[in-house]
Amino acid sequence: MARRSTRASQRKTARRKQARPSSARRPPPVRSLGSPTRPRGAAKTFTSRPISVDFAGPRHRLSRADLEISGIFHGESSYEGRIFFNNPSATAATPLTARAGYAGSFNIFGHGGCLGDPGHCEVDEHGREAFDFRYPHPLTPARKRVNVTKALQEAAKRAKTVTVTIVPVVTAANRLCDTVNVFRCENMQFVTYN
């Protein structure tokens, strides 16, 4: 009986070797992006050209002013966008006070970079029809509105123009994210209410 069990196990081993061809290779190990981290370097700040703010002066009956930012790219890093008026040298270490020109902030939850094939993350909304009820592309540029009434009225008391500086403070990124050129937008405007 010992001979039979030995021969049977040899046949099983031979069948296993035949079933697995020698040319078959194991797939490469999956590389993980790991957990998002908070980068140490500073991101580039954005400063606008001087904008006339006559509409926010003390003689006008302004009840509310919003800074509307549209076309914000959010495909990579997550960040807080801190808004400062008339302080182009603002950084992430600048205090969030009215004296430093702080006007408010907004947050962007980034997508962490593109993991798909080339063209996978390109947004093409031009071919959509008016009554297309599908959800838009996940990377359709974002829009943020920040109430900046008090800061704008204070800035208008001191000067006729205002520069808007946005300091992105990156809160999470991975190796696919650009952590320097973080804030990108298409348009920025003040929306006011009387």
N, C-alpha and C. Protein backbone atom coordinates (compact mmCIF):
# COMPACT_ATOMS: atom_id res chain seq x y z
N MET A 1 0.79 -1.20 0.00
CA MET A 1 0.00 0.00 0.00
C MET A 1 0.84 1.27 0.00
N ALA A 2 1.98 1.19 0.57
CA ALA A 2 2.84 2.36 0.62
C ALA A 2 3.28 2.76 -0.77
N ARG A 3 3.51 1.72 -1.63
CA ARG A 3 3.94 2.04 -3.00
C ARG A 3 2.85 2.75 -3.77
N ARG A 4 1.63 2.31 -3.63
CA ARG A 4 0.51 2.91 -4.37
C ARG A 4 0.34 4.38 -3.97
N SER A 5 0.36 4.69 -2.68
CA SER A 5 0.18 6.08 -2.25
C SER A 5 1.33 6.96 -2.73
N THR A 6 2.53 6.44 -2.80
CA THR A 6 3.66 7.22 -3.29
C THR A 6 3.49 7.50 -4.77
N ARG A 7 3.10 6.47 -5.54
CA ARG A 7 2.89 6.67 -6.98
C ARG A 7 1.74 7.65 -7.25
N ALA A 8 0.68 7.53 -6.47
CA ALA A 8 -0.47 8.43 -6.65
C ALA A 8 -0.07 9.87 -6.36
N SER A 9 0.71 10.09 -5.33
CA SER A 9 1.13 11.47 -5.03
C SER A 9 2.09 11.99 -6.08
N GLN A 10 2.92 11.11 -6.70
CA GLN A 10 3.81 11.54 -7.78
C GLN A 10 3.00 11.96 -9.00
N ARG A 11 1.93 11.19 -9.30
CA ARG A 11 1.08 11.54 -10.44
C ARG A 11 0.38 12.89 -10.22
N LYS A 12 -0.10 13.13 -9.01
CA LYS A 12 -0.76 14.41 -8.69
C LYS A 12 0.21 15.57 -8.86
N THR A 13 1.44 15.40 -8.40
CA THR A 13 2.46 16.45 -8.53
C THR A 13 2.76 16.71 -10.00
N ALA A 14 2.84 15.63 -10.79
CA ALA A 14 3.11 15.79 -12.22
C ALA A 14 1.98 16.52 -12.90
N ARG A 15 0.71 16.20 -12.53
CA ARG A 15 -0.44 16.88 -13.13
C ARG A 15 -0.43 18.37 -12.78
N ARG A 16 -0.08 18.70 -11.56
CA ARG A 16 -0.03 20.12 -11.15
C ARG A 16 1.01 20.88 -11.97
N LYS A 17 2.15 20.27 -12.20
CA LYS A 17 3.20 20.93 -12.98
C LYS A 17 2.75 21.15 -14.41
N GLN A 18 2.01 20.16 -14.98
CA GLN A 18 1.52 20.31 -16.34
C GLN A 18 0.44 21.38 -16.43
N ALA A 19 -0.38 21.50 -15.42
CA ALA A 19 -1.47 22.47 -15.44
C ALA A 19 -0.94 23.90 -15.41
N ARG A 20 0.20 24.11 -14.77
CA ARG A 20 0.78 25.46 -14.68
C ARG A 20 1.96 25.55 -15.65
N PRO A 21 1.77 26.19 -16.82
CA PRO A 21 2.87 26.28 -17.77
C PRO A 21 4.02 27.10 -17.17
N SER A 22 5.21 26.78 -17.60
CA SER A 22 6.39 27.45 -17.06
C SER A 22 6.47 28.90 -17.51
N SER A 23 5.82 29.23 -18.65
CA SER A 23 5.89 30.61 -19.17
C SER A 23 4.95 31.57 -18.43
N ALA A 24 4.00 31.02 -17.65
CA ALA A 24 3.05 31.88 -16.93
C ALA A 24 3.78 32.62 -15.81
N ARG A 25 3.64 33.91 -15.78
CA ARG A 25 4.29 34.72 -14.76
C ARG A 25 3.24 35.28 -13.82
N ARG A 26 3.68 35.53 -12.64
CA ARG A 26 2.77 36.15 -11.68
C ARG A 26 2.61 37.62 -12.02
N PRO A 27 1.44 38.15 -11.79
CA PRO A 27 1.26 39.58 -12.07
C PRO A 27 2.13 40.40 -11.13
N PRO A 28 2.56 41.58 -11.59
CA PRO A 28 3.40 42.41 -10.72
C PRO A 28 2.63 42.81 -9.47
N PRO A 29 3.34 43.03 -8.38
CA PRO A 29 2.64 43.42 -7.14
C PRO A 29 1.97 44.78 -7.32
N VAL A 30 0.83 44.94 -6.68
CA VAL A 30 0.08 46.18 -6.75
C VAL A 30 0.77 47.23 -5.88
N ARG A 31 1.06 48.39 -6.48
CA ARG A 31 1.69 49.46 -5.72
C ARG A 31 0.61 50.35 -5.14
N SER A 32 0.67 50.58 -3.90
CA SER A 32 -0.33 51.38 -3.21
C SER A 32 0.11 52.84 -3.16
N LEU A 33 -0.86 53.73 -3.22
CA LEU A 33 -0.56 55.15 -3.05
C LEU A 33 -0.35 55.50 -1.59
N GLY A 34 -0.76 54.62 -0.72
CA GLY A 34 -0.62 54.87 0.71
C GLY A 34 -1.62 55.89 1.20
N SER A 35 -1.50 56.23 2.44
CA SER A 35 -2.39 57.23 3.03
C SER A 35 -1.99 58.62 2.59
N PRO A 36 -2.95 59.53 2.42
CA PRO A 36 -2.60 60.91 2.09
C PRO A 36 -1.80 61.53 3.22
N THR A 37 -0.88 62.41 2.86
CA THR A 37 -0.05 63.09 3.85
C THR A 37 -0.21 64.59 3.71
N ARG A 38 0.26 65.32 4.70
CA ARG A 38 0.26 66.78 4.66
C ARG A 38 1.65 67.23 4.27
N PRO A 39 1.82 67.79 3.06
CA PRO A 39 3.16 68.19 2.62
C PRO A 39 3.73 69.32 3.47
N ARG A 40 5.05 69.39 3.50
CA ARG A 40 5.71 70.41 4.33
C ARG A 40 5.95 71.71 3.58
N GLY A 41 6.16 71.65 2.28
CA GLY A 41 6.44 72.87 1.51
C GLY A 41 5.20 73.72 1.32
N ALA A 42 5.45 74.98 1.01
CA ALA A 42 4.33 75.92 0.80
C ALA A 42 3.87 75.87 -0.65
N ALA A 43 2.57 76.03 -0.84
CA ALA A 43 1.99 76.10 -2.18
C ALA A 43 2.06 77.54 -2.68
N LYS A 44 1.98 77.72 -4.00
CA LYS A 44 2.00 79.06 -4.59
C LYS A 44 0.72 79.81 -4.23
N THR A 45 0.87 81.07 -3.91
CA THR A 45 -0.30 81.91 -3.65
C THR A 45 -0.73 82.61 -4.94
N PHE A 46 -1.98 83.02 -4.96
CA PHE A 46 -2.52 83.75 -6.10
C PHE A 46 -2.86 85.16 -5.63
N THR A 47 -2.44 86.18 -6.39
CA THR A 47 -2.81 87.56 -6.09
C THR A 47 -3.38 88.20 -7.35
N SER A 48 -4.55 88.80 -7.23
CA SER A 48 -5.22 89.43 -8.37
C SER A 48 -4.63 90.81 -8.63
N ARG A 49 -5.01 91.37 -9.76
CA ARG A 49 -4.70 92.78 -10.03
C ARG A 49 -5.61 93.64 -9.16
N PRO A 50 -5.28 94.90 -8.96
CA PRO A 50 -6.16 95.76 -8.15
C PRO A 50 -7.56 95.86 -8.75
N ILE A 51 -8.56 95.73 -7.88
CA ILE A 51 -9.96 95.77 -8.29
C ILE A 51 -10.61 96.99 -7.64
N SER A 52 -11.32 97.78 -8.42
CA SER A 52 -12.01 98.95 -7.88
C SER A 52 -13.15 98.51 -6.97
N VAL A 53 -13.23 99.12 -5.78
CA VAL A 53 -14.27 98.75 -4.81
C VAL A 53 -15.09 99.98 -4.40
N ASP A 54 -15.35 100.86 -5.33
CA ASP A 54 -16.19 102.03 -5.04
C ASP A 54 -17.57 101.61 -4.56
N PHE A 55 -18.07 100.49 -5.06
CA PHE A 55 -19.41 100.01 -4.70
C PHE A 55 -19.52 99.61 -3.22
N ALA A 56 -18.39 99.44 -2.53
CA ALA A 56 -18.43 99.00 -1.13
C ALA A 56 -18.07 100.12 -0.15
N GLY A 57 -17.96 101.34 -0.65
CA GLY A 57 -17.60 102.47 0.20
C GLY A 57 -18.68 102.80 1.22
N PRO A 58 -18.34 103.64 2.21
CA PRO A 58 -19.30 103.97 3.28
C PRO A 58 -20.56 104.67 2.79
N ARG A 59 -20.52 105.34 1.63
CA ARG A 59 -21.70 106.07 1.15
C ARG A 59 -22.68 105.19 0.40
N HIS A 60 -22.33 103.94 0.16
CA HIS A 60 -23.22 103.03 -0.57
C HIS A 60 -23.95 102.12 0.41
N ARG A 61 -25.16 101.74 0.08
CA ARG A 61 -25.96 100.90 0.98
C ARG A 61 -25.79 99.42 0.62
N LEU A 62 -24.63 98.93 0.87
CA LEU A 62 -24.29 97.53 0.62
C LEU A 62 -24.70 96.70 1.83
N SER A 63 -25.52 95.67 1.61
CA SER A 63 -25.93 94.82 2.73
C SER A 63 -25.14 93.52 2.80
N ARG A 64 -24.63 93.07 1.65
CA ARG A 64 -23.83 91.84 1.63
C ARG A 64 -22.95 91.82 0.40
N ALA A 65 -21.75 91.24 0.54
CA ALA A 65 -20.83 91.06 -0.58
C ALA A 65 -20.22 89.67 -0.51
N ASP A 66 -20.26 88.95 -1.62
CA ASP A 66 -19.66 87.62 -1.70
C ASP A 66 -18.54 87.66 -2.73
N LEU A 67 -17.49 86.89 -2.46
CA LEU A 67 -16.47 86.65 -3.46
C LEU A 67 -16.81 85.30 -4.09
N GLU A 68 -17.13 85.33 -5.38
CA GLU A 68 -17.51 84.11 -6.09
C GLU A 68 -16.33 83.67 -6.96
N ILE A 69 -15.87 82.45 -6.73
CA ILE A 69 -14.75 81.89 -7.48
C ILE A 69 -15.29 80.71 -8.26
N SER A 70 -15.15 80.73 -9.57
CA SER A 70 -15.68 79.64 -10.39
C SER A 70 -14.57 79.00 -11.22
N GLY A 71 -14.83 77.77 -11.64
CA GLY A 71 -13.85 77.03 -12.44
C GLY A 71 -12.66 76.56 -11.63
N ILE A 72 -12.88 76.17 -10.38
CA ILE A 72 -11.78 75.74 -9.52
C ILE A 72 -11.44 74.29 -9.84
N PHE A 73 -10.16 74.04 -10.12
CA PHE A 73 -9.67 72.69 -10.38
C PHE A 73 -9.55 71.95 -9.04
N HIS A 74 -10.11 70.73 -8.97
CA HIS A 74 -10.06 69.97 -7.71
C HIS A 74 -9.69 68.51 -7.94
N GLY A 75 -8.84 68.26 -8.94
CA GLY A 75 -8.48 66.89 -9.28
C GLY A 75 -7.33 66.33 -8.49
N GLU A 76 -6.65 67.13 -7.68
CA GLU A 76 -5.47 66.62 -7.00
C GLU A 76 -5.55 66.81 -5.49
N SER A 77 -4.84 67.80 -4.93
CA SER A 77 -4.71 67.97 -3.48
C SER A 77 -5.98 68.54 -2.84
N SER A 78 -6.17 68.20 -1.57
CA SER A 78 -7.21 68.85 -0.76
C SER A 78 -6.55 70.03 -0.05
N TYR A 79 -7.29 71.15 0.05
CA TYR A 79 -6.68 72.33 0.67
C TYR A 79 -7.74 73.29 1.20
N GLU A 80 -7.26 74.18 2.05
CA GLU A 80 -8.08 75.31 2.52
C GLU A 80 -7.56 76.54 1.79
N GLY A 81 -8.45 77.29 1.15
CA GLY A 81 -8.07 78.53 0.46
C GLY A 81 -8.37 79.71 1.36
N ARG A 82 -7.33 80.36 1.87
CA ARG A 82 -7.51 81.51 2.75
C ARG A 82 -7.46 82.79 1.92
N ILE A 83 -8.45 83.65 2.12
CA ILE A 83 -8.60 84.87 1.32
C ILE A 83 -8.14 86.07 2.14
N PHE A 84 -7.25 86.86 1.54
CA PHE A 84 -6.75 88.08 2.18
C PHE A 84 -6.95 89.25 1.22
N PHE A 85 -7.33 90.41 1.76
CA PHE A 85 -7.44 91.64 0.96
C PHE A 85 -6.24 92.53 1.25
N ASN A 86 -5.68 93.09 0.17
CA ASN A 86 -4.55 94.04 0.25
C ASN A 86 -3.39 93.51 1.09
N ASN A 87 -3.09 92.23 0.96
CA ASN A 87 -1.95 91.63 1.64
C ASN A 87 -1.31 90.59 0.72
N PRO A 88 -0.61 91.05 -0.35
CA PRO A 88 -0.04 90.10 -1.30
C PRO A 88 1.10 89.26 -0.72
N SER A 89 1.63 89.63 0.42
CA SER A 89 2.71 88.85 1.03
C SER A 89 2.18 87.82 2.04
N ALA A 90 0.88 87.58 2.06
CA ALA A 90 0.29 86.62 3.00
C ALA A 90 0.80 85.21 2.71
N THR A 91 0.99 84.44 3.80
CA THR A 91 1.42 83.04 3.71
C THR A 91 0.52 82.21 4.61
N ALA A 92 0.83 80.93 4.70
CA ALA A 92 0.07 80.04 5.58
C ALA A 92 0.25 80.41 7.04
N ALA A 93 1.34 81.12 7.36
CA ALA A 93 1.61 81.52 8.75
C ALA A 93 0.98 82.87 9.11
N THR A 94 0.40 83.57 8.14
CA THR A 94 -0.22 84.87 8.40
C THR A 94 -1.43 84.68 9.32
N PRO A 95 -1.54 85.50 10.37
CA PRO A 95 -2.69 85.35 11.29
C PRO A 95 -4.02 85.63 10.58
N LEU A 96 -5.03 84.92 11.00
CA LEU A 96 -6.36 85.06 10.40
C LEU A 96 -7.13 86.16 11.12
N THR A 97 -6.65 87.39 10.96
CA THR A 97 -7.24 88.55 11.62
C THR A 97 -7.60 89.61 10.59
N ALA A 98 -8.51 90.50 10.97
CA ALA A 98 -8.90 91.60 10.08
C ALA A 98 -7.72 92.53 9.83
N ARG A 99 -6.86 92.67 10.80
CA ARG A 99 -5.68 93.55 10.65
C ARG A 99 -4.74 93.04 9.56
N ALA A 100 -4.65 91.72 9.42
CA ALA A 100 -3.81 91.12 8.38
C ALA A 100 -4.52 91.05 7.03
N GLY A 101 -5.79 91.49 6.97
CA GLY A 101 -6.54 91.49 5.72
C GLY A 101 -7.32 90.22 5.47
N TYR A 102 -7.43 89.36 6.49
CA TYR A 102 -8.15 88.10 6.31
C TYR A 102 -9.64 88.37 6.06
N ALA A 103 -10.19 87.73 5.01
CA ALA A 103 -11.59 87.96 4.64
C ALA A 103 -12.46 86.72 4.75
N GLY A 104 -11.86 85.53 4.78
CA GLY A 104 -12.63 84.29 4.86
C GLY A 104 -11.86 83.16 4.22
N SER A 105 -12.49 81.99 4.14
CA SER A 105 -11.81 80.85 3.53
C SER A 105 -12.84 79.89 2.93
N PHE A 106 -12.34 78.99 2.11
CA PHE A 106 -13.14 77.92 1.52
C PHE A 106 -12.30 76.66 1.51
N ASN A 107 -12.95 75.51 1.42
CA ASN A 107 -12.24 74.23 1.42
C ASN A 107 -12.53 73.45 0.15
N ILE A 108 -11.51 72.80 -0.36
CA ILE A 108 -11.61 71.95 -1.54
C ILE A 108 -11.19 70.54 -1.16
N PHE A 109 -12.08 69.58 -1.41
CA PHE A 109 -11.77 68.17 -1.20
C PHE A 109 -11.28 67.62 -2.53
N GLY A 110 -9.96 67.42 -2.65
CA GLY A 110 -9.37 66.98 -3.91
C GLY A 110 -9.57 65.50 -4.17
N HIS A 111 -9.44 65.12 -5.45
CA HIS A 111 -9.65 63.74 -5.86
C HIS A 111 -8.39 62.89 -5.80
N GLY A 112 -7.24 63.47 -5.53
CA GLY A 112 -6.02 62.69 -5.34
C GLY A 112 -5.29 62.28 -6.59
N GLY A 113 -5.49 62.97 -7.71
CA GLY A 113 -4.78 62.65 -8.94
C GLY A 113 -5.53 61.64 -9.79
N CYS A 114 -5.08 61.48 -11.02
CA CYS A 114 -5.75 60.59 -11.98
C CYS A 114 -5.11 59.22 -11.95
N LEU A 115 -5.93 58.20 -11.75
CA LEU A 115 -5.47 56.81 -11.73
C LEU A 115 -5.81 56.07 -13.01
N GLY A 116 -6.51 56.71 -13.94
CA GLY A 116 -6.96 56.04 -15.16
C GLY A 116 -6.01 56.21 -16.32
N ASP A 117 -6.46 55.76 -17.48
CA ASP A 117 -5.69 55.88 -18.72
C ASP A 117 -5.63 57.34 -19.15
N PRO A 118 -4.74 57.69 -20.09
CA PRO A 118 -4.69 59.06 -20.59
C PRO A 118 -6.06 59.50 -21.12
N GLY A 119 -6.49 60.68 -20.73
CA GLY A 119 -7.78 61.21 -21.14
C GLY A 119 -8.92 60.86 -20.21
N HIS A 120 -8.69 59.96 -19.27
CA HIS A 120 -9.73 59.50 -18.34
C HIS A 120 -10.28 60.64 -17.50
N CYS A 121 -9.42 61.56 -17.09
CA CYS A 121 -9.84 62.63 -16.19
C CYS A 121 -10.11 63.95 -16.90
N GLU A 122 -10.16 63.94 -18.22
CA GLU A 122 -10.47 65.17 -18.95
C GLU A 122 -11.98 65.38 -18.97
N VAL A 123 -12.39 66.58 -18.62
CA VAL A 123 -13.81 66.91 -18.54
C VAL A 123 -14.25 67.50 -19.88
N ASP A 124 -15.28 66.90 -20.49
CA ASP A 124 -15.84 67.43 -21.73
C ASP A 124 -17.35 67.54 -21.56
N GLU A 125 -17.79 68.68 -21.09
CA GLU A 125 -19.22 68.91 -20.86
C GLU A 125 -19.88 69.63 -22.03
N HIS A 126 -19.12 69.92 -23.09
CA HIS A 126 -19.69 70.70 -24.20
C HIS A 126 -20.68 69.88 -25.02
N GLY A 127 -20.54 68.56 -25.03
CA GLY A 127 -21.42 67.73 -25.84
C GLY A 127 -22.73 67.38 -25.16
N ARG A 128 -22.93 67.84 -23.93
CA ARG A 128 -24.17 67.51 -23.20
C ARG A 128 -25.33 68.35 -23.71
N GLU A 129 -26.49 67.72 -23.74
CA GLU A 129 -27.69 68.44 -24.17
C GLU A 129 -28.35 69.11 -22.98
N ALA A 130 -29.26 70.02 -23.25
CA ALA A 130 -29.90 70.80 -22.19
C ALA A 130 -30.67 69.93 -21.20
N PHE A 131 -31.30 68.86 -21.66
CA PHE A 131 -32.11 68.03 -20.78
C PHE A 131 -31.45 66.68 -20.50
N ASP A 132 -30.13 66.68 -20.40
CA ASP A 132 -29.38 65.48 -20.06
C ASP A 132 -29.37 65.36 -18.54
N PHE A 133 -30.05 64.35 -18.00
CA PHE A 133 -30.22 64.22 -16.56
C PHE A 133 -29.13 63.42 -15.88
N ARG A 134 -28.12 62.99 -16.64
CA ARG A 134 -27.02 62.27 -16.01
C ARG A 134 -26.22 63.23 -15.13
N TYR A 135 -25.56 62.67 -14.12
CA TYR A 135 -24.70 63.50 -13.27
C TYR A 135 -23.55 64.03 -14.10
N PRO A 136 -23.06 65.22 -13.79
CA PRO A 136 -21.91 65.74 -14.53
C PRO A 136 -20.65 64.95 -14.19
N HIS A 137 -19.62 65.14 -14.96
CA HIS A 137 -18.33 64.49 -14.73
C HIS A 137 -17.85 64.84 -13.32
N PRO A 138 -17.29 63.88 -12.57
CA PRO A 138 -16.86 64.16 -11.19
C PRO A 138 -15.82 65.26 -11.07
N LEU A 139 -15.08 65.53 -12.14
CA LEU A 139 -14.06 66.58 -12.09
C LEU A 139 -14.50 67.88 -12.73
N THR A 140 -15.82 68.06 -12.91
CA THR A 140 -16.32 69.34 -13.39
C THR A 140 -15.84 70.41 -12.43
N PRO A 141 -15.26 71.50 -12.94
CA PRO A 141 -14.71 72.53 -12.05
C PRO A 141 -15.71 73.01 -11.00
N ALA A 142 -15.18 73.24 -9.80
CA ALA A 142 -16.02 73.63 -8.66
C ALA A 142 -16.25 75.14 -8.63
N ARG A 143 -17.24 75.53 -7.82
CA ARG A 143 -17.57 76.94 -7.62
C ARG A 143 -17.73 77.17 -6.12
N LYS A 144 -17.12 78.24 -5.62
CA LYS A 144 -17.22 78.57 -4.19
C LYS A 144 -17.66 80.02 -4.05
N ARG A 145 -18.46 80.27 -3.02
CA ARG A 145 -18.92 81.61 -2.69
C ARG A 145 -18.62 81.86 -1.23
N VAL A 146 -17.89 82.95 -0.94
CA VAL A 146 -17.49 83.26 0.43
C VAL A 146 -18.02 84.65 0.78
N ASN A 147 -18.71 84.76 1.92
CA ASN A 147 -19.21 86.04 2.38
C ASN A 147 -18.04 86.87 2.90
N VAL A 148 -17.75 88.00 2.24
CA VAL A 148 -16.61 88.85 2.60
C VAL A 148 -17.06 90.27 2.93
N THR A 149 -18.30 90.45 3.38
CA THR A 149 -18.90 91.77 3.56
C THR A 149 -18.08 92.68 4.45
N LYS A 150 -17.82 92.27 5.68
CA LYS A 150 -17.13 93.15 6.63
C LYS A 150 -15.72 93.48 6.17
N ALA A 151 -14.99 92.48 5.70
CA ALA A 151 -13.61 92.72 5.25
C ALA A 151 -13.57 93.66 4.05
N LEU A 152 -14.53 93.53 3.14
CA LEU A 152 -14.56 94.39 1.95
C LEU A 152 -14.93 95.83 2.33
N GLN A 153 -15.88 95.99 3.24
CA GLN A 153 -16.24 97.34 3.68
C GLN A 153 -15.08 98.03 4.39
N GLU A 154 -14.34 97.29 5.21
CA GLU A 154 -13.17 97.86 5.89
C GLU A 154 -12.09 98.24 4.89
N ALA A 155 -11.86 97.39 3.89
CA ALA A 155 -10.85 97.68 2.88
C ALA A 155 -11.25 98.88 2.04
N ALA A 156 -12.55 99.03 1.75
CA ALA A 156 -13.04 100.16 0.96
C ALA A 156 -12.93 101.48 1.71
N LYS A 157 -12.91 101.45 3.04
CA LYS A 157 -12.73 102.68 3.83
C LYS A 157 -11.31 103.21 3.69
N ARG A 158 -10.34 102.31 3.51
CA ARG A 158 -8.93 102.69 3.47
C ARG A 158 -8.39 102.94 2.07
N ALA A 159 -8.97 102.29 1.05
CA ALA A 159 -8.43 102.42 -0.31
C ALA A 159 -9.56 102.27 -1.33
N LYS A 160 -9.28 102.77 -2.55
CA LYS A 160 -10.28 102.67 -3.61
C LYS A 160 -10.17 101.36 -4.38
N THR A 161 -9.06 100.64 -4.19
CA THR A 161 -8.89 99.35 -4.86
C THR A 161 -8.51 98.28 -3.84
N VAL A 162 -8.72 97.04 -4.24
CA VAL A 162 -8.42 95.89 -3.39
C VAL A 162 -7.72 94.84 -4.24
N THR A 163 -6.69 94.21 -3.68
CA THR A 163 -6.12 93.02 -4.31
C THR A 163 -6.58 91.82 -3.50
N VAL A 164 -6.92 90.76 -4.20
CA VAL A 164 -7.37 89.52 -3.55
C VAL A 164 -6.23 88.52 -3.61
N THR A 165 -5.80 88.05 -2.45
CA THR A 165 -4.75 87.04 -2.37
C THR A 165 -5.35 85.77 -1.80
N ILE A 166 -5.13 84.66 -2.48
CA ILE A 166 -5.60 83.37 -2.00
C ILE A 166 -4.39 82.51 -1.67
N VAL A 167 -4.33 82.09 -0.40
CA VAL A 167 -3.24 81.25 0.09
C VAL A 167 -3.76 79.84 0.27
N PRO A 168 -3.35 78.88 -0.59
CA PRO A 168 -3.79 77.51 -0.40
C PRO A 168 -2.94 76.81 0.65
N VAL A 169 -3.59 76.24 1.65
CA VAL A 169 -2.91 75.48 2.69
C VAL A 169 -3.30 74.02 2.47
N VAL A 170 -2.36 73.23 1.94
CA VAL A 170 -2.65 71.84 1.57
C VAL A 170 -2.85 71.01 2.83
N THR A 171 -3.96 70.30 2.87
CA THR A 171 -4.29 69.47 4.03
C THR A 171 -4.08 67.98 3.76
N ALA A 172 -4.13 67.55 2.49
CA ALA A 172 -3.91 66.14 2.16
C ALA A 172 -3.50 66.02 0.69
N ALA A 173 -2.48 65.17 0.45
CA ALA A 173 -2.01 64.92 -0.91
C ALA A 173 -1.31 63.57 -0.94
N ASN A 174 -1.20 62.99 -2.13
CA ASN A 174 -0.42 61.77 -2.31
C ASN A 174 0.61 62.03 -3.40
N ARG A 175 1.30 60.98 -3.84
CA ARG A 175 2.40 61.19 -4.78
C ARG A 175 1.93 61.58 -6.18
N LEU A 176 0.64 61.47 -6.49
CA LEU A 176 0.11 61.88 -7.79
C LEU A 176 -0.25 63.36 -7.83
N CYS A 177 -0.20 64.04 -6.69
CA CYS A 177 -0.68 65.42 -6.58
C CYS A 177 0.45 66.43 -6.70
N ASP A 178 0.16 67.52 -7.39
CA ASP A 178 1.06 68.67 -7.42
C ASP A 178 0.75 69.49 -6.17
N THR A 179 1.71 69.63 -5.28
CA THR A 179 1.48 70.35 -4.03
C THR A 179 1.99 71.78 -4.08
N VAL A 180 2.46 72.24 -5.24
CA VAL A 180 2.94 73.61 -5.39
C VAL A 180 1.90 74.45 -6.14
N ASN A 181 1.49 74.01 -7.32
CA ASN A 181 0.49 74.72 -8.13
C ASN A 181 -0.89 74.17 -7.79
N VAL A 182 -1.37 74.50 -6.62
CA VAL A 182 -2.58 73.90 -6.08
C VAL A 182 -3.84 74.64 -6.52
N PHE A 183 -3.88 75.95 -6.31
CA PHE A 183 -5.08 76.73 -6.61
C PHE A 183 -5.07 77.16 -8.07
N ARG A 184 -6.11 76.74 -8.81
CA ARG A 184 -6.29 77.15 -10.20
C ARG A 184 -7.77 77.42 -10.41
N CYS A 185 -8.09 78.57 -10.99
CA CYS A 185 -9.50 78.89 -11.24
C CYS A 185 -9.63 79.61 -12.58
N GLU A 186 -10.88 79.73 -13.04
CA GLU A 186 -11.16 80.39 -14.31
C GLU A 186 -11.62 81.83 -14.13
N ASN A 187 -12.38 82.10 -13.05
CA ASN A 187 -12.95 83.44 -12.88
C ASN A 187 -13.17 83.74 -11.40
N MET A 188 -13.11 85.03 -11.09
CA MET A 188 -13.34 85.49 -9.73
C MET A 188 -14.06 86.82 -9.81
N GLN A 189 -15.12 87.00 -9.01
CA GLN A 189 -15.87 88.26 -9.06
C GLN A 189 -16.57 88.53 -7.74
N PHE A 190 -16.85 89.79 -7.49
CA PHE A 190 -17.65 90.16 -6.31
C PHE A 190 -19.11 90.17 -6.71
N VAL A 191 -19.95 89.61 -5.87
CA VAL A 191 -21.40 89.64 -6.05
C VAL A 191 -21.95 90.38 -4.87
N THR A 192 -22.68 91.49 -5.12
CA THR A 192 -23.14 92.34 -4.02
C THR A 192 -24.66 92.43 -4.00
N TYR A 193 -25.18 92.72 -2.80
CA TYR A 193 -26.62 92.85 -2.59
C TYR A 193 -26.87 94.16 -1.86
N ASN A 194 -27.92 94.88 -2.28
CA ASN A 194 -28.29 96.14 -1.61
C ASN A 194 -29.44 95.91 -0.66
